[in-house]
Amino acid sequence: MSLLAKVFQQHGNERNARIYREVLRREAEIGGKLFGPIKPEGRREFFCLDRHTWIWHEEWVDEHGVRHVVTTRYDVRPNGVFKAQDNQPYQRLSAAEAMHLFKAVKAYNKAVDAELYGIVA
């Protein structure tokens, strides 16, 4: 989680909450762009909700005009990384999927730091 987000979480007033939500929306937008182009009628977000939770949300319209929405929640726990998709029970990530998430988190942090906070590593 970014330093700015941590600061805003510690202060509960309405203004800070509004700013925090806007920062989170912007981080989610940046994260969503990391995985390729988004179709015109689609939406993709990837972001850090809190110290232990990552969210992947995607919406798209298929070739038949049917709208699809998938939300995946990743929970990082002391005994492993687990995911739940669309209100299904949590499942432990395989080693390969955990590595993909780790790489996505690194790319997310780098992109958010550069694009939103002007930090270049």
PDB file of N, CA and C in Angstrom:
ATOM      1  N   MET A   1       0.860  -1.170   0.000  1.00  0.00           N
ATOM      2  CA  MET A   1       0.000   0.000   0.000  1.00  0.00           C
ATOM      3  C   MET A   1       0.901   1.227   0.000  1.00  0.00           C
ATOM      4  N   SER A   2       0.506   2.239  -0.722  1.00  0.00           N
ATOM      5  CA  SER A   2       1.304   3.441  -0.832  1.00  0.00           C
ATOM      6  C   SER A   2       1.320   4.208   0.487  1.00  0.00           C
ATOM      7  N   LEU A   3       2.362   4.986   0.693  1.00  0.00           N
ATOM      8  CA  LEU A   3       2.491   5.815   1.892  1.00  0.00           C
ATOM      9  C   LEU A   3       1.329   6.781   1.999  1.00  0.00           C
ATOM     10  N   LEU A   4       0.949   7.380   0.886  1.00  0.00           N
ATOM     11  CA  LEU A   4      -0.162   8.325   0.887  1.00  0.00           C
ATOM     12  C   LEU A   4      -1.448   7.649   1.355  1.00  0.00           C
ATOM     13  N   ALA A   5      -1.711   6.458   0.885  1.00  0.00           N
ATOM     14  CA  ALA A   5      -2.922   5.739   1.289  1.00  0.00           C
ATOM     15  C   ALA A   5      -2.898   5.440   2.783  1.00  0.00           C
ATOM     16  N   LYS A   6      -1.743   5.067   3.329  1.00  0.00           N
ATOM     17  CA  LYS A   6      -1.637   4.789   4.759  1.00  0.00           C
ATOM     18  C   LYS A   6      -1.946   6.033   5.585  1.00  0.00           C
ATOM     19  N   VAL A   7      -1.434   7.165   5.138  1.00  0.00           N
ATOM     20  CA  VAL A   7      -1.694   8.416   5.865  1.00  0.00           C
ATOM     21  C   VAL A   7      -3.178   8.719   5.873  1.00  0.00           C
ATOM     22  N   PHE A   8      -3.837   8.598   4.731  1.00  0.00           N
ATOM     23  CA  PHE A   8      -5.256   8.915   4.654  1.00  0.00           C
ATOM     24  C   PHE A   8      -6.099   7.936   5.459  1.00  0.00           C
ATOM     25  N   GLN A   9      -5.675   6.691   5.563  1.00  0.00           N
ATOM     26  CA  GLN A   9      -6.445   5.726   6.339  1.00  0.00           C
ATOM     27  C   GLN A   9      -6.429   6.069   7.823  1.00  0.00           C
ATOM     28  N   GLN A  10      -5.373   6.719   8.281  1.00  0.00           N
ATOM     29  CA  GLN A  10      -5.251   7.036   9.699  1.00  0.00           C
ATOM     30  C   GLN A  10      -6.111   8.221  10.106  1.00  0.00           C
ATOM     31  N   HIS A  11      -6.573   9.007   9.177  1.00  0.00           N
ATOM     32  CA  HIS A  11      -7.380  10.181   9.482  1.00  0.00           C
ATOM     33  C   HIS A  11      -8.784   9.955   8.940  1.00  0.00           C
ATOM     34  N   GLY A  12      -9.758   9.943   9.843  1.00  0.00           N
ATOM     35  CA  GLY A  12     -11.088   9.528   9.452  1.00  0.00           C
ATOM     36  C   GLY A  12     -12.011  10.619   8.966  1.00  0.00           C
ATOM     37  N   ASN A  13     -11.526  11.844   8.798  1.00  0.00           N
ATOM     38  CA  ASN A  13     -12.490  12.875   8.398  1.00  0.00           C
ATOM     39  C   ASN A  13     -12.927  12.711   6.948  1.00  0.00           C
ATOM     40  N   GLU A  14     -14.033  13.310   6.636  1.00  0.00           N
ATOM     41  CA  GLU A  14     -14.675  13.130   5.327  1.00  0.00           C
ATOM     42  C   GLU A  14     -13.782  13.546   4.162  1.00  0.00           C
ATOM     43  N   ARG A  15     -13.094  14.660   4.289  1.00  0.00           N
ATOM     44  CA  ARG A  15     -12.218  15.140   3.211  1.00  0.00           C
ATOM     45  C   ARG A  15     -11.128  14.121   2.917  1.00  0.00           C
ATOM     46  N   ASN A  16     -10.473  13.628   3.949  1.00  0.00           N
ATOM     47  CA  ASN A  16      -9.410  12.648   3.744  1.00  0.00           C
ATOM     48  C   ASN A  16      -9.964  11.347   3.176  1.00  0.00           C
ATOM     49  N   ALA A  17     -11.146  10.957   3.605  1.00  0.00           N
ATOM     50  CA  ALA A  17     -11.764   9.749   3.068  1.00  0.00           C
ATOM     51  C   ALA A  17     -12.052   9.913   1.583  1.00  0.00           C
ATOM     52  N   ARG A  18     -12.535  11.081   1.188  1.00  0.00           N
ATOM     53  CA  ARG A  18     -12.819  11.358  -0.224  1.00  0.00           C
ATOM     54  C   ARG A  18     -11.529  11.322  -1.041  1.00  0.00           C
ATOM     55  N   ILE A  19     -10.479  11.936  -0.521  1.00  0.00           N
ATOM     56  CA  ILE A  19      -9.191  11.940  -1.227  1.00  0.00           C
ATOM     57  C   ILE A  19      -8.651  10.513  -1.329  1.00  0.00           C
ATOM     58  N   TYR A  20      -8.760   9.758  -0.236  1.00  0.00           N
ATOM     59  CA  TYR A  20      -8.289   8.378  -0.250  1.00  0.00           C
ATOM     60  C   TYR A  20      -9.008   7.562  -1.324  1.00  0.00           C
ATOM     61  N   ARG A  21     -10.330   7.702  -1.415  1.00  0.00           N
ATOM     62  CA  ARG A  21     -11.094   6.960  -2.434  1.00  0.00           C
ATOM     63  C   ARG A  21     -10.640   7.349  -3.839  1.00  0.00           C
ATOM     64  N   GLU A  22     -10.368   8.626  -4.064  1.00  0.00           N
ATOM     65  CA  GLU A  22      -9.926   9.072  -5.384  1.00  0.00           C
ATOM     66  C   GLU A  22      -8.531   8.517  -5.712  1.00  0.00           C
ATOM     67  N   VAL A  23      -7.646   8.525  -4.731  1.00  0.00           N
ATOM     68  CA  VAL A  23      -6.315   7.948  -4.937  1.00  0.00           C
ATOM     69  C   VAL A  23      -6.431   6.461  -5.243  1.00  0.00           C
ATOM     70  N   LEU A  24      -7.269   5.751  -4.497  1.00  0.00           N
ATOM     71  CA  LEU A  24      -7.461   4.328  -4.732  1.00  0.00           C
ATOM     72  C   LEU A  24      -8.026   4.067  -6.128  1.00  0.00           C
ATOM     73  N   ARG A  25      -8.994   4.887  -6.566  1.00  0.00           N
ATOM     74  CA  ARG A  25      -9.540   4.748  -7.929  1.00  0.00           C
ATOM     75  C   ARG A  25      -8.447   4.945  -8.971  1.00  0.00           C
ATOM     76  N   ARG A  26      -7.601   5.937  -8.746  1.00  0.00           N
ATOM     77  CA  ARG A  26      -6.525   6.213  -9.711  1.00  0.00           C
ATOM     78  C   ARG A  26      -5.509   5.068  -9.737  1.00  0.00           C
ATOM     79  N   GLU A  27      -5.149   4.567  -8.563  1.00  0.00           N
ATOM     80  CA  GLU A  27      -4.225   3.428  -8.508  1.00  0.00           C
ATOM     81  C   GLU A  27      -4.834   2.214  -9.214  1.00  0.00           C
ATOM     82  N   ALA A  28      -6.129   1.974  -9.023  1.00  0.00           N
ATOM     83  CA  ALA A  28      -6.811   0.843  -9.661  1.00  0.00           C
ATOM     84  C   ALA A  28      -6.793   0.976 -11.181  1.00  0.00           C
ATOM     85  N   GLU A  29      -6.983   2.194 -11.657  1.00  0.00           N
ATOM     86  CA  GLU A  29      -6.952   2.453 -13.099  1.00  0.00           C
ATOM     87  C   GLU A  29      -5.565   2.175 -13.668  1.00  0.00           C
ATOM     88  N   ILE A  30      -4.537   2.663 -12.979  1.00  0.00           N
ATOM     89  CA  ILE A  30      -3.159   2.412 -13.425  1.00  0.00           C
ATOM     90  C   ILE A  30      -2.882   0.915 -13.417  1.00  0.00           C
ATOM     91  N   GLY A  31      -3.270   0.232 -12.353  1.00  0.00           N
ATOM     92  CA  GLY A  31      -3.067  -1.209 -12.257  1.00  0.00           C
ATOM     93  C   GLY A  31      -3.771  -1.967 -13.362  1.00  0.00           C
ATOM     94  N   GLY A  32      -4.952  -1.529 -13.726  1.00  0.00           N
ATOM     95  CA  GLY A  32      -5.711  -2.201 -14.776  1.00  0.00           C
ATOM     96  C   GLY A  32      -5.073  -2.111 -16.143  1.00  0.00           C
ATOM     97  N   LYS A  33      -4.293  -1.070 -16.381  1.00  0.00           N
ATOM     98  CA  LYS A  33      -3.647  -0.893 -17.684  1.00  0.00           C
ATOM     99  C   LYS A  33      -2.411  -1.761 -17.850  1.00  0.00           C
ATOM    100  N   LEU A  34      -1.959  -2.403 -16.788  1.00  0.00           N
ATOM    101  CA  LEU A  34      -0.724  -3.191 -16.849  1.00  0.00           C
ATOM    102  C   LEU A  34      -0.857  -4.469 -17.672  1.00  0.00           C
ATOM    103  N   PHE A  35      -2.077  -4.902 -17.929  1.00  0.00           N
ATOM    104  CA  PHE A  35      -2.289  -6.225 -18.503  1.00  0.00           C
ATOM    105  C   PHE A  35      -2.853  -6.178 -19.912  1.00  0.00           C
ATOM    106  N   GLY A  36      -2.490  -5.157 -20.648  1.00  0.00           N
ATOM    107  CA  GLY A  36      -2.917  -5.065 -22.030  1.00  0.00           C
ATOM    108  C   GLY A  36      -4.064  -4.100 -22.217  1.00  0.00           C
ATOM    109  N   PRO A  37      -4.454  -3.937 -23.482  1.00  0.00           N
ATOM    110  CA  PRO A  37      -5.506  -2.965 -23.795  1.00  0.00           C
ATOM    111  C   PRO A  37      -6.858  -3.394 -23.230  1.00  0.00           C
ATOM    112  N   ILE A  38      -7.666  -2.400 -22.903  1.00  0.00           N
ATOM    113  CA  ILE A  38      -9.014  -2.618 -22.397  1.00  0.00           C
ATOM    114  C   ILE A  38      -9.970  -2.277 -23.525  1.00  0.00           C
ATOM    115  N   LYS A  39     -10.910  -3.178 -23.786  1.00  0.00           N
ATOM    116  CA  LYS A  39     -11.866  -2.948 -24.871  1.00  0.00           C
ATOM    117  C   LYS A  39     -12.716  -1.710 -24.572  1.00  0.00           C
ATOM    118  N   PRO A  40     -13.212  -1.049 -25.616  1.00  0.00           N
ATOM    119  CA  PRO A  40     -13.974   0.199 -25.426  1.00  0.00           C
ATOM    120  C   PRO A  40     -15.130   0.094 -24.433  1.00  0.00           C
ATOM    121  N   GLU A  41     -15.841  -1.017 -24.406  1.00  0.00           N
ATOM    122  CA  GLU A  41     -16.958  -1.152 -23.472  1.00  0.00           C
ATOM    123  C   GLU A  41     -16.547  -1.902 -22.207  1.00  0.00           C
ATOM    124  N   GLY A  42     -15.252  -2.036 -21.989  1.00  0.00           N
ATOM    125  CA  GLY A  42     -14.761  -2.796 -20.853  1.00  0.00           C
ATOM    126  C   GLY A  42     -14.170  -1.921 -19.761  1.00  0.00           C
ATOM    127  N   ARG A  43     -13.847  -2.579 -18.689  1.00  0.00           N
ATOM    128  CA  ARG A  43     -13.233  -1.909 -17.544  1.00  0.00           C
ATOM    129  C   ARG A  43     -12.376  -2.938 -16.819  1.00  0.00           C
ATOM    130  N   ARG A  44     -11.190  -2.524 -16.397  1.00  0.00           N
ATOM    131  CA  ARG A  44     -10.313  -3.413 -15.641  1.00  0.00           C
ATOM    132  C   ARG A  44      -9.645  -2.611 -14.544  1.00  0.00           C
ATOM    133  N   GLU A  45      -9.602  -3.201 -13.361  1.00  0.00           N
ATOM    134  CA  GLU A  45      -8.928  -2.574 -12.225  1.00  0.00           C
ATOM    135  C   GLU A  45      -8.097  -3.634 -11.515  1.00  0.00           C
ATOM    136  N   PHE A  46      -6.928  -3.219 -11.048  1.00  0.00           N
ATOM    137  CA  PHE A  46      -6.072  -4.073 -10.222  1.00  0.00           C
ATOM    138  C   PHE A  46      -5.481  -3.157  -9.186  1.00  0.00           C
ATOM    139  N   PHE A  47      -5.688  -3.479  -7.902  1.00  0.00           N
ATOM    140  CA  PHE A  47      -5.220  -2.556  -6.864  1.00  0.00           C
ATOM    141  C   PHE A  47      -5.071  -3.247  -5.519  1.00  0.00           C
ATOM    142  N   CYS A  48      -4.359  -2.566  -4.647  1.00  0.00           N
ATOM    143  CA  CYS A  48      -4.132  -3.004  -3.277  1.00  0.00           C
ATOM    144  C   CYS A  48      -5.198  -2.357  -2.397  1.00  0.00           C
ATOM    145  N   LEU A  49      -6.049  -3.166  -1.815  1.00  0.00           N
ATOM    146  CA  LEU A  49      -7.110  -2.653  -0.959  1.00  0.00           C
ATOM    147  C   LEU A  49      -6.590  -2.346   0.446  1.00  0.00           C
ATOM    148  N   ASP A  50      -5.764  -3.241   0.970  1.00  0.00           N
ATOM    149  CA  ASP A  50      -5.139  -3.037   2.282  1.00  0.00           C
ATOM    150  C   ASP A  50      -3.861  -3.869   2.334  1.00  0.00           C
ATOM    151  N   ARG A  51      -3.230  -3.952   3.478  1.00  0.00           N
ATOM    152  CA  ARG A  51      -1.923  -4.628   3.577  1.00  0.00           C
ATOM    153  C   ARG A  51      -1.941  -6.071   3.077  1.00  0.00           C
ATOM    154  N   HIS A  52      -3.082  -6.718   3.115  1.00  0.00           N
ATOM    155  CA  HIS A  52      -3.136  -8.141   2.803  1.00  0.00           C
ATOM    156  C   HIS A  52      -4.076  -8.493   1.652  1.00  0.00           C
ATOM    157  N   THR A  53      -4.661  -7.494   1.001  1.00  0.00           N
ATOM    158  CA  THR A  53      -5.703  -7.780   0.025  1.00  0.00           C
ATOM    159  C   THR A  53      -5.455  -7.073  -1.301  1.00  0.00           C
ATOM    160  N   TRP A  54      -5.509  -7.857  -2.379  1.00  0.00           N
ATOM    161  CA  TRP A  54      -5.398  -7.338  -3.733  1.00  0.00           C
ATOM    162  C   TRP A  54      -6.677  -7.672  -4.475  1.00  0.00           C
ATOM    163  N   ILE A  55      -7.130  -6.754  -5.317  1.00  0.00           N
ATOM    164  CA  ILE A  55      -8.369  -6.932  -6.067  1.00  0.00           C
ATOM    165  C   ILE A  55      -8.092  -6.831  -7.565  1.00  0.00           C
ATOM    166  N   TRP A  56      -8.638  -7.775  -8.322  1.00  0.00           N
ATOM    167  CA  TRP A  56      -8.650  -7.739  -9.786  1.00  0.00           C
ATOM    168  C   TRP A  56     -10.124  -7.721 -10.174  1.00  0.00           C
ATOM    169  N   HIS A  57     -10.536  -6.677 -10.889  1.00  0.00           N
ATOM    170  CA  HIS A  57     -11.923  -6.566 -11.328  1.00  0.00           C
ATOM    171  C   HIS A  57     -11.914  -6.306 -12.825  1.00  0.00           C
ATOM    172  N   GLU A  58     -12.726  -7.067 -13.550  1.00  0.00           N
ATOM    173  CA  GLU A  58     -12.782  -6.874 -14.997  1.00  0.00           C
ATOM    174  C   GLU A  58     -14.219  -7.005 -15.486  1.00  0.00           C
ATOM    175  N   GLU A  59     -14.575  -6.120 -16.409  1.00  0.00           N
ATOM    176  CA  GLU A  59     -15.882  -6.145 -17.065  1.00  0.00           C
ATOM    177  C   GLU A  59     -15.634  -6.054 -18.569  1.00  0.00           C
ATOM    178  N   TRP A  60     -16.407  -6.805 -19.340  1.00  0.00           N
ATOM    179  CA  TRP A  60     -16.282  -6.749 -20.786  1.00  0.00           C
ATOM    180  C   TRP A  60     -17.576  -7.225 -21.426  1.00  0.00           C
ATOM    181  N   VAL A  61     -17.728  -6.896 -22.682  1.00  0.00           N
ATOM    182  CA  VAL A  61     -18.874  -7.338 -23.479  1.00  0.00           C
ATOM    183  C   VAL A  61     -18.325  -8.300 -24.529  1.00  0.00           C
ATOM    184  N   ASP A  62     -18.893  -9.500 -24.575  1.00  0.00           N
ATOM    185  CA  ASP A  62     -18.393 -10.485 -25.537  1.00  0.00           C
ATOM    186  C   ASP A  62     -18.971 -10.248 -26.929  1.00  0.00           C
ATOM    187  N   GLU A  63     -18.611 -11.125 -27.860  1.00  0.00           N
ATOM    188  CA  GLU A  63     -19.011 -10.955 -29.262  1.00  0.00           C
ATOM    189  C   GLU A  63     -20.521 -11.080 -29.474  1.00  0.00           C
ATOM    190  N   HIS A  64     -21.245 -11.587 -28.468  1.00  0.00           N
ATOM    191  CA  HIS A  64     -22.700 -11.711 -28.554  1.00  0.00           C
ATOM    192  C   HIS A  64     -23.420 -10.580 -27.838  1.00  0.00           C
ATOM    193  N   GLY A  65     -22.648  -9.606 -27.356  1.00  0.00           N
ATOM    194  CA  GLY A  65     -23.236  -8.470 -26.649  1.00  0.00           C
ATOM    195  C   GLY A  65     -23.558  -8.737 -25.192  1.00  0.00           C
ATOM    196  N   VAL A  66     -23.075  -9.857 -24.656  1.00  0.00           N
ATOM    197  CA  VAL A  66     -23.333 -10.215 -23.259  1.00  0.00           C
ATOM    198  C   VAL A  66     -22.245  -9.593 -22.373  1.00  0.00           C
ATOM    199  N   ARG A  67     -22.679  -8.894 -21.329  1.00  0.00           N
ATOM    200  CA  ARG A  67     -21.750  -8.254 -20.403  1.00  0.00           C
ATOM    201  C   ARG A  67     -21.299  -9.268 -19.351  1.00  0.00           C
ATOM    202  N   HIS A  68     -19.993  -9.323 -19.116  1.00  0.00           N
ATOM    203  CA  HIS A  68     -19.397 -10.214 -18.117  1.00  0.00           C
ATOM    204  C   HIS A  68     -18.701  -9.366 -17.060  1.00  0.00           C
ATOM    205  N   VAL A  69     -18.776  -9.813 -15.816  1.00  0.00           N
ATOM    206  CA  VAL A  69     -18.114  -9.136 -14.701  1.00  0.00           C
ATOM    207  C   VAL A  69     -17.464 -10.206 -13.833  1.00  0.00           C
ATOM    208  N   VAL A  70     -16.158 -10.059 -13.596  1.00  0.00           N
ATOM    209  CA  VAL A  70     -15.435 -10.997 -12.748  1.00  0.00           C
ATOM    210  C   VAL A  70     -14.609 -10.188 -11.751  1.00  0.00           C
ATOM    211  N   THR A  71     -14.752 -10.546 -10.477  1.00  0.00           N
ATOM    212  CA  THR A  71     -13.949  -9.914  -9.430  1.00  0.00           C
ATOM    213  C   THR A  71     -13.202 -11.008  -8.684  1.00  0.00           C
ATOM    214  N   THR A  72     -11.892 -10.846  -8.581  1.00  0.00           N
ATOM    215  CA  THR A  72     -11.047 -11.799  -7.871  1.00  0.00           C
ATOM    216  C   THR A  72     -10.384 -11.060  -6.719  1.00  0.00           C
ATOM    217  N   ARG A  73     -10.480 -11.654  -5.541  1.00  0.00           N
ATOM    218  CA  ARG A  73      -9.879 -11.077  -4.337  1.00  0.00           C
ATOM    219  C   ARG A  73      -8.750 -12.005  -3.897  1.00  0.00           C
ATOM    220  N   TYR A  74      -7.548 -11.443  -3.758  1.00  0.00           N
ATOM    221  CA  TYR A  74      -6.388 -12.211  -3.306  1.00  0.00           C
ATOM    222  C   TYR A  74      -6.080 -11.805  -1.870  1.00  0.00           C
ATOM    223  N   ASP A  75      -6.026 -12.780  -0.980  1.00  0.00           N
ATOM    224  CA  ASP A  75      -5.677 -12.529   0.418  1.00  0.00           C
ATOM    225  C   ASP A  75      -4.316 -13.136   0.700  1.00  0.00           C
ATOM    226  N   VAL A  76      -3.395 -12.301   1.145  1.00  0.00           N
ATOM    227  CA  VAL A  76      -2.053 -12.750   1.499  1.00  0.00           C
ATOM    228  C   VAL A  76      -2.079 -13.060   2.995  1.00  0.00           C
ATOM    229  N   ARG A  77      -1.886 -14.327   3.314  1.00  0.00           N
ATOM    230  CA  ARG A  77      -1.952 -14.796   4.699  1.00  0.00           C
ATOM    231  C   ARG A  77      -0.610 -15.388   5.095  1.00  0.00           C
ATOM    232  N   PRO A  78      -0.364 -15.534   6.388  1.00  0.00           N
ATOM    233  CA  PRO A  78       0.915 -16.134   6.828  1.00  0.00           C
ATOM    234  C   PRO A  78       1.141 -17.533   6.268  1.00  0.00           C
ATOM    235  N   ASN A  79       0.062 -18.275   5.988  1.00  0.00           N
ATOM    236  CA  ASN A  79       0.211 -19.647   5.496  1.00  0.00           C
ATOM    237  C   ASN A  79      -0.001 -19.775   3.988  1.00  0.00           C
ATOM    238  N   GLY A  80       0.037 -18.656   3.257  1.00  0.00           N
ATOM    239  CA  GLY A  80      -0.077 -18.717   1.807  1.00  0.00           C
ATOM    240  C   GLY A  80      -0.951 -17.613   1.248  1.00  0.00           C
ATOM    241  N   VAL A  81      -1.116 -17.656  -0.059  1.00  0.00           N
ATOM    242  CA  VAL A  81      -1.958 -16.679  -0.747  1.00  0.00           C
ATOM    243  C   VAL A  81      -3.204 -17.423  -1.220  1.00  0.00           C
ATOM    244  N   PHE A  82      -4.355 -16.813  -0.952  1.00  0.00           N
ATOM    245  CA  PHE A  82      -5.632 -17.422  -1.292  1.00  0.00           C
ATOM    246  C   PHE A  82      -6.424 -16.467  -2.169  1.00  0.00           C
ATOM    247  N   LYS A  83      -7.288 -17.044  -3.000  1.00  0.00           N
ATOM    248  CA  LYS A  83      -8.125 -16.192  -3.842  1.00  0.00           C
ATOM    249  C   LYS A  83      -9.561 -16.661  -3.774  1.00  0.00           C
ATOM    250  N   ALA A  84     -10.450 -15.692  -3.930  1.00  0.00           N
ATOM    251  CA  ALA A  84     -11.876 -15.980  -4.060  1.00  0.00           C
ATOM    252  C   ALA A  84     -12.350 -15.212  -5.279  1.00  0.00           C
ATOM    253  N   GLN A  85     -13.132 -15.862  -6.100  1.00  0.00           N
ATOM    254  CA  GLN A  85     -13.617 -15.223  -7.323  1.00  0.00           C
ATOM    255  C   GLN A  85     -15.141 -15.259  -7.326  1.00  0.00           C
ATOM    256  N   ASP A  86     -15.725 -14.074  -7.474  1.00  0.00           N
ATOM    257  CA  ASP A  86     -17.178 -13.935  -7.581  1.00  0.00           C
ATOM    258  C   ASP A  86     -17.916 -14.676  -6.462  1.00  0.00           C
ATOM    259  N   ASN A  87     -17.528 -14.394  -5.236  1.00  0.00           N
ATOM    260  CA  ASN A  87     -18.183 -14.928  -4.032  1.00  0.00           C
ATOM    261  C   ASN A  87     -18.074 -16.444  -3.864  1.00  0.00           C
ATOM    262  N   GLN A  88     -17.130 -17.066  -4.536  1.00  0.00           N
ATOM    263  CA  GLN A  88     -16.867 -18.490  -4.335  1.00  0.00           C
ATOM    264  C   GLN A  88     -15.934 -18.643  -3.129  1.00  0.00           C
ATOM    265  N   PRO A  89     -15.801 -19.851  -2.588  1.00  0.00           N
ATOM    266  CA  PRO A  89     -14.899 -20.059  -1.446  1.00  0.00           C
ATOM    267  C   PRO A  89     -13.441 -19.785  -1.825  1.00  0.00           C
ATOM    268  N   TYR A  90     -12.657 -19.425  -0.817  1.00  0.00           N
ATOM    269  CA  TYR A  90     -11.234 -19.178  -1.046  1.00  0.00           C
ATOM    270  C   TYR A  90     -10.517 -20.468  -1.401  1.00  0.00           C
ATOM    271  N   GLN A  91      -9.539 -20.327  -2.314  1.00  0.00           N
ATOM    272  CA  GLN A  91      -8.685 -21.440  -2.709  1.00  0.00           C
ATOM    273  C   GLN A  91      -7.244 -20.974  -2.652  1.00  0.00           C
ATOM    274  N   ARG A  92      -6.358 -21.868  -2.246  1.00  0.00           N
ATOM    275  CA  ARG A  92      -4.930 -21.547  -2.195  1.00  0.00           C
ATOM    276  C   ARG A  92      -4.394 -21.427  -3.623  1.00  0.00           C
ATOM    277  N   LEU A  93      -3.568 -20.419  -3.869  1.00  0.00           N
ATOM    278  CA  LEU A  93      -2.942 -20.251  -5.176  1.00  0.00           C
ATOM    279  C   LEU A  93      -1.863 -21.300  -5.373  1.00  0.00           C
ATOM    280  N   SER A  94      -1.730 -21.754  -6.595  1.00  0.00           N
ATOM    281  CA  SER A  94      -0.607 -22.634  -6.929  1.00  0.00           C
ATOM    282  C   SER A  94       0.659 -21.799  -6.893  1.00  0.00           C
ATOM    283  N   ALA A  95       1.796 -22.455  -6.880  1.00  0.00           N
ATOM    284  CA  ALA A  95       3.071 -21.734  -6.878  1.00  0.00           C
ATOM    285  C   ALA A  95       3.196 -20.854  -8.121  1.00  0.00           C
ATOM    286  N   ALA A  96       2.764 -21.369  -9.259  1.00  0.00           N
ATOM    287  CA  ALA A  96       2.860 -20.596 -10.508  1.00  0.00           C
ATOM    288  C   ALA A  96       1.951 -19.364 -10.451  1.00  0.00           C
ATOM    289  N   GLU A  97       0.733 -19.530  -9.966  1.00  0.00           N
ATOM    290  CA  GLU A  97      -0.178 -18.387  -9.895  1.00  0.00           C
ATOM    291  C   GLU A  97       0.299 -17.366  -8.868  1.00  0.00           C
ATOM    292  N   ALA A  98       0.863 -17.841  -7.763  1.00  0.00           N
ATOM    293  CA  ALA A  98       1.420 -16.930  -6.755  1.00  0.00           C
ATOM    294  C   ALA A  98       2.564 -16.110  -7.357  1.00  0.00           C
ATOM    295  N   MET A  99       3.372 -16.742  -8.192  1.00  0.00           N
ATOM    296  CA  MET A  99       4.476 -16.026  -8.845  1.00  0.00           C
ATOM    297  C   MET A  99       3.937 -14.979  -9.810  1.00  0.00           C
ATOM    298  N   HIS A 100       2.878 -15.288 -10.532  1.00  0.00           N
ATOM    299  CA  HIS A 100       2.249 -14.310 -11.437  1.00  0.00           C
ATOM    300  C   HIS A 100       1.721 -13.119 -10.641  1.00  0.00           C
ATOM    301  N   LEU A 101       1.091 -13.394  -9.508  1.00  0.00           N
ATOM    302  CA  LEU A 101       0.592 -12.303  -8.663  1.00  0.00           C
ATOM    303  C   LEU A 101       1.749 -11.457  -8.146  1.00  0.00           C
ATOM    304  N   PHE A 102       2.814 -12.096  -7.702  1.00  0.00           N
ATOM    305  CA  PHE A 102       3.993 -11.377  -7.215  1.00  0.00           C
ATOM    306  C   PHE A 102       4.545 -10.444  -8.298  1.00  0.00           C
ATOM    307  N   LYS A 103       4.650 -10.940  -9.520  1.00  0.00           N
ATOM    308  CA  LYS A 103       5.144 -10.106 -10.631  1.00  0.00           C
ATOM    309  C   LYS A 103       4.179  -8.963 -10.928  1.00  0.00           C
ATOM    310  N   ALA A 104       2.882  -9.229 -10.844  1.00  0.00           N
ATOM    311  CA  ALA A 104       1.875  -8.180 -11.067  1.00  0.00           C
ATOM    312  C   ALA A 104       1.973  -7.108  -9.995  1.00  0.00           C
ATOM    313  N   VAL A 105       2.182  -7.512  -8.755  1.00  0.00           N
ATOM    314  CA  VAL A 105       2.318  -6.553  -7.655  1.00  0.00           C
ATOM    315  C   VAL A 105       3.547  -5.682  -7.853  1.00  0.00           C
ATOM    316  N   LYS A 106       4.656  -6.285  -8.264  1.00  0.00           N
ATOM    317  CA  LYS A 106       5.869  -5.498  -8.538  1.00  0.00           C
ATOM    318  C   LYS A 106       5.631  -4.488  -9.651  1.00  0.00           C
ATOM    319  N   ALA A 107       4.990  -4.932 -10.736  1.00  0.00           N
ATOM    320  CA  ALA A 107       4.703  -4.028 -11.863  1.00  0.00           C
ATOM    321  C   ALA A 107       3.749  -2.919 -11.426  1.00  0.00           C
ATOM    322  N   TYR A 108       2.750  -3.266 -10.637  1.00  0.00           N
ATOM    323  CA  TYR A 108       1.791  -2.293 -10.117  1.00  0.00           C
ATOM    324  C   TYR A 108       2.503  -1.224  -9.287  1.00  0.00           C
ATOM    325  N   ASN A 109       3.319  -1.673  -8.341  1.00  0.00           N
ATOM    326  CA  ASN A 109       4.031  -0.710  -7.482  1.00  0.00           C
ATOM    327  C   ASN A 109       4.912   0.218  -8.300  1.00  0.00           C
ATOM    328  N   LYS A 110       5.604  -0.322  -9.269  1.00  0.00           N
ATOM    329  CA  LYS A 110       6.477   0.491 -10.113  1.00  0.00           C
ATOM    330  C   LYS A 110       5.663   1.505 -10.921  1.00  0.00           C
ATOM    331  N   ALA A 111       4.570   1.056 -11.527  1.00  0.00           N
ATOM    332  CA  ALA A 111       3.749   1.938 -12.358  1.00  0.00           C
ATOM    333  C   ALA A 111       3.063   3.017 -11.530  1.00  0.00           C
ATOM    334  N   VAL A 112       2.501   2.646 -10.386  1.00  0.00           N
ATOM    335  CA  VAL A 112       1.819   3.610  -9.524  1.00  0.00           C
ATOM    336  C   VAL A 112       2.813   4.631  -8.989  1.00  0.00           C
ATOM    337  N   ASP A 113       3.976   4.155  -8.518  1.00  0.00           N
ATOM    338  CA  ASP A 113       4.986   5.090  -8.024  1.00  0.00           C
ATOM    339  C   ASP A 113       5.390   6.092  -9.084  1.00  0.00           C
ATOM    340  N   ALA A 114       5.610   5.615 -10.315  1.00  0.00           N
ATOM    341  CA  ALA A 114       6.048   6.498 -11.396  1.00  0.00           C
ATOM    342  C   ALA A 114       4.939   7.426 -11.870  1.00  0.00           C
ATOM    343  N   GLU A 115       3.768   6.856 -12.169  1.00  0.00           N
ATOM    344  CA  GLU A 115       2.708   7.632 -12.799  1.00  0.00           C
ATOM    345  C   GLU A 115       1.956   8.540 -11.833  1.00  0.00           C
ATOM    346  N   LEU A 116       1.731   8.068 -10.622  1.00  0.00           N
ATOM    347  CA  LEU A 116       0.907   8.827  -9.684  1.00  0.00           C
ATOM    348  C   LEU A 116       1.739   9.675  -8.736  1.00  0.00           C
ATOM    349  N   TYR A 117       2.873   9.136  -8.303  1.00  0.00           N
ATOM    350  CA  TYR A 117       3.667   9.833  -7.285  1.00  0.00           C
ATOM    351  C   TYR A 117       4.975  10.407  -7.811  1.00  0.00           C
ATOM    352  N   GLY A 118       5.297  10.156  -9.075  1.00  0.00           N
ATOM    353  CA  GLY A 118       6.515  10.719  -9.665  1.00  0.00           C
ATOM    354  C   GLY A 118       7.803  10.109  -9.141  1.00  0.00           C
ATOM    355  N   ILE A 119       7.725   8.903  -8.604  1.00  0.00           N
ATOM    356  CA  ILE A 119       8.909   8.219  -8.073  1.00  0.00           C
ATOM    357  C   ILE A 119       9.406   7.266  -9.145  1.00  0.00           C
ATOM    358  N   VAL A 120      10.639   7.440  -9.559  1.00  0.00           N
ATOM    359  CA  VAL A 120      11.223   6.569 -10.581  1.00  0.00           C
ATOM    360  C   VAL A 120      12.341   5.775  -9.940  1.00  0.00           C
ATOM    361  N   ALA A 121      12.240   4.439 -10.037  1.00  0.00           N
ATOM    362  CA  ALA A 121      13.257   3.566  -9.418  1.00  0.00           C
ATOM    363  C   ALA A 121      14.337   3.237 -10.397  1.00  0.00           C
TER     364      ALA A 121
END
